[in-house]
Amino acid sequence: MQVLVFKTNLEDQGQILNAGQLLHPIRGIHRWNVDMHDIDNILRIEADPTLSPRIIENTLQTGGWLCEELTD
């Protein structure tokens, strides 16, 4: 299992629900959440180690949101 962390511009529950509809069909995601109390509206995803962060970035960017992986 890996934890992927992304900076987003998801600003409210409606946007989070819409983003969830895009994330739901992606194989390998086990759990995800958005920290609305963080200035970067952090999206954390628990996923299989084979899931590429680019898939998440591209999926949310297709929906019109900023999504940028944060790395160590």
Protein backbone atom coordinates (compact mmCIF):
# COMPACT_ATOMS: atom_id res chain seq x y z
CA MET A 1 0.00 0.00 0.00
CA GLN A 2 1.19 3.51 -0.78
CA VAL A 3 -0.08 6.92 0.31
CA LEU A 4 -0.21 9.53 -2.43
CA VAL A 5 -0.49 13.20 -1.43
CA PHE A 6 -1.66 15.99 -3.72
CA LYS A 7 -2.18 19.73 -3.53
CA THR A 8 -5.61 20.62 -4.96
CA ASN A 9 -7.99 23.52 -5.34
CA LEU A 10 -11.05 21.53 -4.20
CA GLU A 11 -12.89 24.16 -2.17
CA ASP A 12 -16.20 22.70 -0.97
CA GLN A 13 -18.16 19.51 -0.40
CA GLY A 14 -19.81 19.71 -3.83
CA GLN A 15 -16.45 19.77 -5.58
CA ILE A 16 -15.19 16.94 -3.40
CA LEU A 17 -18.24 14.84 -4.31
CA ASN A 18 -17.72 15.57 -8.01
CA ALA A 19 -14.03 14.70 -7.75
CA GLY A 20 -15.01 11.48 -5.98
CA GLN A 21 -17.14 10.50 -8.94
CA LEU A 22 -14.03 10.77 -11.10
CA LEU A 23 -11.83 8.91 -8.60
CA HIS A 24 -14.28 6.08 -7.90
CA PRO A 25 -13.69 4.12 -11.14
CA ILE A 26 -9.89 4.18 -10.78
CA ARG A 27 -8.68 0.69 -9.89
CA GLY A 28 -6.26 0.48 -7.02
CA ILE A 29 -7.67 3.26 -4.84
CA HIS A 30 -8.62 1.91 -1.42
CA ARG A 31 -9.40 5.09 0.48
CA TRP A 32 -9.15 8.83 -0.06
CA ASN A 33 -9.94 12.10 1.69
CA VAL A 34 -9.47 15.84 1.29
CA ASP A 35 -8.20 17.98 4.17
CA MET A 36 -10.15 21.22 3.79
CA HIS A 37 -8.39 22.68 6.84
CA ASP A 38 -5.02 22.59 5.10
CA ILE A 39 -4.15 25.65 3.01
CA ASP A 40 -3.34 23.34 0.06
CA ASN A 41 -6.62 21.35 0.33
CA ILE A 42 -4.60 18.15 0.54
CA LEU A 43 -5.93 15.03 -1.18
CA ARG A 44 -4.58 11.83 0.39
CA ILE A 45 -5.08 8.53 -1.37
CA GLU A 46 -4.30 5.07 -0.04
CA ALA A 47 -3.65 2.94 -3.10
CA ASP A 48 -1.98 -0.11 -4.54
CA PRO A 49 1.74 0.46 -5.16
CA THR A 50 1.18 0.09 -8.91
CA LEU A 51 -1.13 3.12 -9.16
CA SER A 52 0.66 6.03 -10.82
CA PRO A 53 0.17 9.49 -9.32
CA ARG A 54 -0.09 10.83 -12.89
CA ILE A 55 -3.42 9.00 -13.28
CA ILE A 56 -4.84 10.92 -10.32
CA GLU A 57 -3.42 14.24 -11.54
CA ASN A 58 -4.73 13.75 -15.08
CA THR A 59 -8.16 12.59 -13.90
CA LEU A 60 -8.77 15.60 -11.65
CA GLN A 61 -7.25 18.03 -14.16
CA THR A 62 -9.70 16.68 -16.75
CA GLY A 63 -12.46 17.66 -14.30
CA GLY A 64 -11.06 21.20 -14.19
CA TRP A 65 -9.23 21.08 -10.86
CA LEU A 66 -5.64 21.69 -9.89
CA CYS A 67 -4.01 18.48 -8.73
CA GLU A 68 -0.26 18.35 -8.12
CA GLU A 69 1.56 15.52 -6.37
CA LEU A 70 3.57 16.56 -3.33
CA THR A 71 6.75 14.56 -2.89
CA ASP A 72 9.30 14.37 -0.10
